[in-house]
Amino acid sequence: MPEASVSFSILMFTSVICLVVLTIFVCKLIVSVTKLTDNANVIASSVQKEIEPTLKELKEAAKSINSIANSADSKFQSTKASISSLLGASACLGGKLKSFSKGIIKGISFGLGLFKKQ
């Protein structure tokens, strides 16, 4: 029986040592995970601070582009109307001039339509 007692003591001693080593590694893991989450929070807050002004600038740029497109659209409509009236009056001179004026109007409207807001 003394052999069983010695074997049991060695088993208990080894188990306690393994448990202590495992506990140390788990504590180190918890500390590392805590540092990682702190760093992730710092990164997220700095990204948030940088994104807010950028989004404001993009919003202002979109408003500016929208106003330019609306202005170009209104100018395009007035230019189209004036060209139509000018070419429409001269189209009375001949049938070929009428188809020519339609082609010019279509070309100008297509070209100016590229700048139109969609």
C-alpha atoms as a PDB file:
ATOM      1  CA  MET A   1       0.000   0.000   0.000  1.00  0.00           C
ATOM      2  CA  PRO A   2       2.796   2.444   0.515  1.00  0.00           C
ATOM      3  CA  GLU A   3       3.407   2.273  -3.254  1.00  0.00           C
ATOM      4  CA  ALA A   4      -0.132   3.466  -3.932  1.00  0.00           C
ATOM      5  CA  SER A   5       0.328   6.290  -1.482  1.00  0.00           C
ATOM      6  CA  VAL A   6       3.518   7.469  -3.201  1.00  0.00           C
ATOM      7  CA  SER A   7       1.935   7.176  -6.651  1.00  0.00           C
ATOM      8  CA  PHE A   8      -1.101   9.105  -5.460  1.00  0.00           C
ATOM      9  CA  SER A   9       1.129  11.816  -3.977  1.00  0.00           C
ATOM     10  CA  ILE A  10       3.097  12.154  -7.217  1.00  0.00           C
ATOM     11  CA  LEU A  11      -0.149  12.329  -9.187  1.00  0.00           C
ATOM     12  CA  MET A  12      -1.540  15.032  -6.896  1.00  0.00           C
ATOM     13  CA  PHE A  13       1.720  17.016  -7.002  1.00  0.00           C
ATOM     14  CA  THR A  14       1.811  16.848 -10.829  1.00  0.00           C
ATOM     15  CA  SER A  15      -1.866  17.801 -11.072  1.00  0.00           C
ATOM     16  CA  VAL A  16      -1.369  20.821  -8.797  1.00  0.00           C
ATOM     17  CA  ILE A  17       1.656  21.981 -10.841  1.00  0.00           C
ATOM     18  CA  CYS A  18      -0.310  21.607 -14.121  1.00  0.00           C
ATOM     19  CA  LEU A  19      -3.229  23.493 -12.609  1.00  0.00           C
ATOM     20  CA  VAL A  20      -0.943  26.349 -11.469  1.00  0.00           C
ATOM     21  CA  VAL A  21       0.738  26.580 -14.902  1.00  0.00           C
ATOM     22  CA  LEU A  22      -2.630  26.525 -16.636  1.00  0.00           C
ATOM     23  CA  THR A  23      -3.942  29.258 -14.337  1.00  0.00           C
ATOM     24  CA  ILE A  24      -0.899  31.443 -15.092  1.00  0.00           C
ATOM     25  CA  PHE A  25      -1.424  31.069 -18.852  1.00  0.00           C
ATOM     26  CA  VAL A  26      -5.135  31.836 -18.555  1.00  0.00           C
ATOM     27  CA  CYS A  27      -4.336  34.996 -16.557  1.00  0.00           C
ATOM     28  CA  LYS A  28      -1.805  36.082 -19.215  1.00  0.00           C
ATOM     29  CA  LEU A  29      -4.429  35.423 -21.894  1.00  0.00           C
ATOM     30  CA  ILE A  30      -6.992  37.543 -20.068  1.00  0.00           C
ATOM     31  CA  VAL A  31      -4.492  40.409 -19.722  1.00  0.00           C
ATOM     32  CA  SER A  32      -3.631  40.203 -23.439  1.00  0.00           C
ATOM     33  CA  VAL A  33      -7.284  40.178 -24.456  1.00  0.00           C
ATOM     34  CA  THR A  34      -7.946  43.198 -22.238  1.00  0.00           C
ATOM     35  CA  LYS A  35      -5.080  45.110 -23.879  1.00  0.00           C
ATOM     36  CA  LEU A  36      -6.363  44.110 -27.307  1.00  0.00           C
ATOM     37  CA  THR A  37      -9.861  45.388 -26.600  1.00  0.00           C
ATOM     38  CA  ASP A  38      -8.461  48.658 -25.213  1.00  0.00           C
ATOM     39  CA  ASN A  39      -6.425  49.143 -28.386  1.00  0.00           C
ATOM     40  CA  ALA A  40      -9.449  48.306 -30.532  1.00  0.00           C
ATOM     41  CA  ASN A  41     -11.494  50.928 -28.647  1.00  0.00           C
ATOM     42  CA  VAL A  42      -8.788  53.547 -29.206  1.00  0.00           C
ATOM     43  CA  ILE A  43      -8.647  52.741 -32.911  1.00  0.00           C
ATOM     44  CA  ALA A  44     -12.434  52.824 -33.257  1.00  0.00           C
ATOM     45  CA  SER A  45     -12.710  56.183 -31.528  1.00  0.00           C
ATOM     46  CA  SER A  46      -9.941  57.723 -33.648  1.00  0.00           C
ATOM     47  CA  VAL A  47     -11.570  56.425 -36.833  1.00  0.00           C
ATOM     48  CA  GLN A  48     -14.892  57.863 -35.700  1.00  0.00           C
ATOM     49  CA  LYS A  49     -13.279  61.248 -35.043  1.00  0.00           C
ATOM     50  CA  GLU A  50     -11.738  61.223 -38.529  1.00  0.00           C
ATOM     51  CA  ILE A  51     -14.841  60.014 -40.359  1.00  0.00           C
ATOM     52  CA  GLU A  52     -17.271  62.638 -39.053  1.00  0.00           C
ATOM     53  CA  PRO A  53     -15.524  65.656 -40.665  1.00  0.00           C
ATOM     54  CA  THR A  54     -14.970  63.684 -43.849  1.00  0.00           C
ATOM     55  CA  LEU A  55     -18.654  62.835 -44.082  1.00  0.00           C
ATOM     56  CA  LYS A  56     -19.569  66.485 -43.504  1.00  0.00           C
ATOM     57  CA  GLU A  57     -17.239  67.543 -46.324  1.00  0.00           C
ATOM     58  CA  LEU A  58     -18.677  64.894 -48.640  1.00  0.00           C
ATOM     59  CA  LYS A  59     -22.201  66.068 -47.836  1.00  0.00           C
ATOM     60  CA  GLU A  60     -21.271  69.680 -48.628  1.00  0.00           C
ATOM     61  CA  ALA A  61     -19.574  68.601 -51.853  1.00  0.00           C
ATOM     62  CA  ALA A  62     -22.667  66.642 -52.882  1.00  0.00           C
ATOM     63  CA  LYS A  63     -24.865  69.689 -52.218  1.00  0.00           C
ATOM     64  CA  SER A  64     -22.527  71.847 -54.272  1.00  0.00           C
ATOM     65  CA  ILE A  65     -22.501  69.381 -57.155  1.00  0.00           C
ATOM     66  CA  ASN A  66     -26.284  69.127 -56.973  1.00  0.00           C
ATOM     67  CA  SER A  67     -26.705  72.898 -57.192  1.00  0.00           C
ATOM     68  CA  ILE A  68     -24.291  73.067 -60.124  1.00  0.00           C
ATOM     69  CA  ALA A  69     -26.208  70.300 -61.904  1.00  0.00           C
ATOM     70  CA  ASN A  70     -29.532  72.058 -61.302  1.00  0.00           C
ATOM     71  CA  SER A  71     -28.098  75.324 -62.597  1.00  0.00           C
ATOM     72  CA  ALA A  72     -26.696  73.604 -65.670  1.00  0.00           C
ATOM     73  CA  ASP A  73     -30.057  71.884 -66.244  1.00  0.00           C
ATOM     74  CA  SER A  74     -31.978  75.170 -66.172  1.00  0.00           C
ATOM     75  CA  LYS A  75     -29.434  76.813 -68.473  1.00  0.00           C
ATOM     76  CA  PHE A  76     -29.622  73.807 -70.766  1.00  0.00           C
ATOM     77  CA  GLN A  77     -33.408  74.082 -70.974  1.00  0.00           C
ATOM     78  CA  SER A  78     -33.273  77.804 -71.811  1.00  0.00           C
ATOM     79  CA  THR A  79     -30.510  77.238 -74.375  1.00  0.00           C
ATOM     80  CA  LYS A  80     -32.471  74.388 -75.938  1.00  0.00           C
ATOM     81  CA  ALA A  81     -35.593  76.552 -76.171  1.00  0.00           C
ATOM     82  CA  SER A  82     -33.711  79.458 -77.744  1.00  0.00           C
ATOM     83  CA  ILE A  83     -31.938  77.200 -80.239  1.00  0.00           C
ATOM     84  CA  SER A  84     -35.240  75.526 -81.104  1.00  0.00           C
ATOM     85  CA  SER A  85     -36.915  78.849 -81.741  1.00  0.00           C
ATOM     86  CA  LEU A  86     -33.946  80.132 -83.747  1.00  0.00           C
ATOM     87  CA  LEU A  87     -33.572  77.028 -85.847  1.00  0.00           C
ATOM     88  CA  GLY A  88     -37.323  76.514 -86.054  1.00  0.00           C
ATOM     89  CA  ALA A  89     -37.764  79.908 -87.708  1.00  0.00           C
ATOM     90  CA  SER A  90     -34.957  79.271 -90.156  1.00  0.00           C
ATOM     91  CA  ALA A  91     -36.255  75.766 -90.856  1.00  0.00           C
ATOM     92  CA  CYS A  92     -39.130  77.278 -92.727  1.00  0.00           C
ATOM     93  CA  LEU A  93     -36.648  78.114 -95.491  1.00  0.00           C
ATOM     94  CA  GLY A  94     -36.251  74.525 -96.538  1.00  0.00           C
ATOM     95  CA  GLY A  95     -36.890  70.900 -95.659  1.00  0.00           C
ATOM     96  CA  LYS A  96     -33.190  70.045 -95.425  1.00  0.00           C
ATOM     97  CA  LEU A  97     -32.600  72.805 -92.941  1.00  0.00           C
ATOM     98  CA  LYS A  98     -35.389  71.391 -90.760  1.00  0.00           C
ATOM     99  CA  SER A  99     -33.766  67.969 -90.461  1.00  0.00           C
ATOM    100  CA  PHE A 100     -30.416  69.681 -89.958  1.00  0.00           C
ATOM    101  CA  SER A 101     -31.831  71.709 -87.062  1.00  0.00           C
ATOM    102  CA  LYS A 102     -33.309  68.575 -85.477  1.00  0.00           C
ATOM    103  CA  GLY A 103     -29.910  66.908 -85.671  1.00  0.00           C
ATOM    104  CA  ILE A 104     -28.211  69.898 -84.081  1.00  0.00           C
ATOM    105  CA  ILE A 105     -30.810  70.065 -81.317  1.00  0.00           C
ATOM    106  CA  LYS A 106     -30.450  66.354 -80.629  1.00  0.00           C
ATOM    107  CA  GLY A 107     -26.653  66.657 -80.547  1.00  0.00           C
ATOM    108  CA  ILE A 108     -26.686  69.656 -78.244  1.00  0.00           C
ATOM    109  CA  SER A 109     -29.306  68.122 -75.972  1.00  0.00           C
ATOM    110  CA  PHE A 110     -27.304  64.903 -75.779  1.00  0.00           C
ATOM    111  CA  GLY A 111     -24.101  66.775 -75.000  1.00  0.00           C
ATOM    112  CA  LEU A 112     -25.699  68.969 -72.365  1.00  0.00           C
ATOM    113  CA  GLY A 113     -27.687  66.012 -71.031  1.00  0.00           C
ATOM    114  CA  LEU A 114     -24.409  64.432 -69.933  1.00  0.00           C
ATOM    115  CA  PHE A 115     -24.059  67.183 -67.347  1.00  0.00           C
ATOM    116  CA  LYS A 116     -27.664  66.871 -66.264  1.00  0.00           C
ATOM    117  CA  LYS A 117     -28.411  65.433 -62.806  1.00  0.00           C
ATOM    118  CA  GLN A 118     -29.748  61.906 -62.978  1.00  0.00           C
END
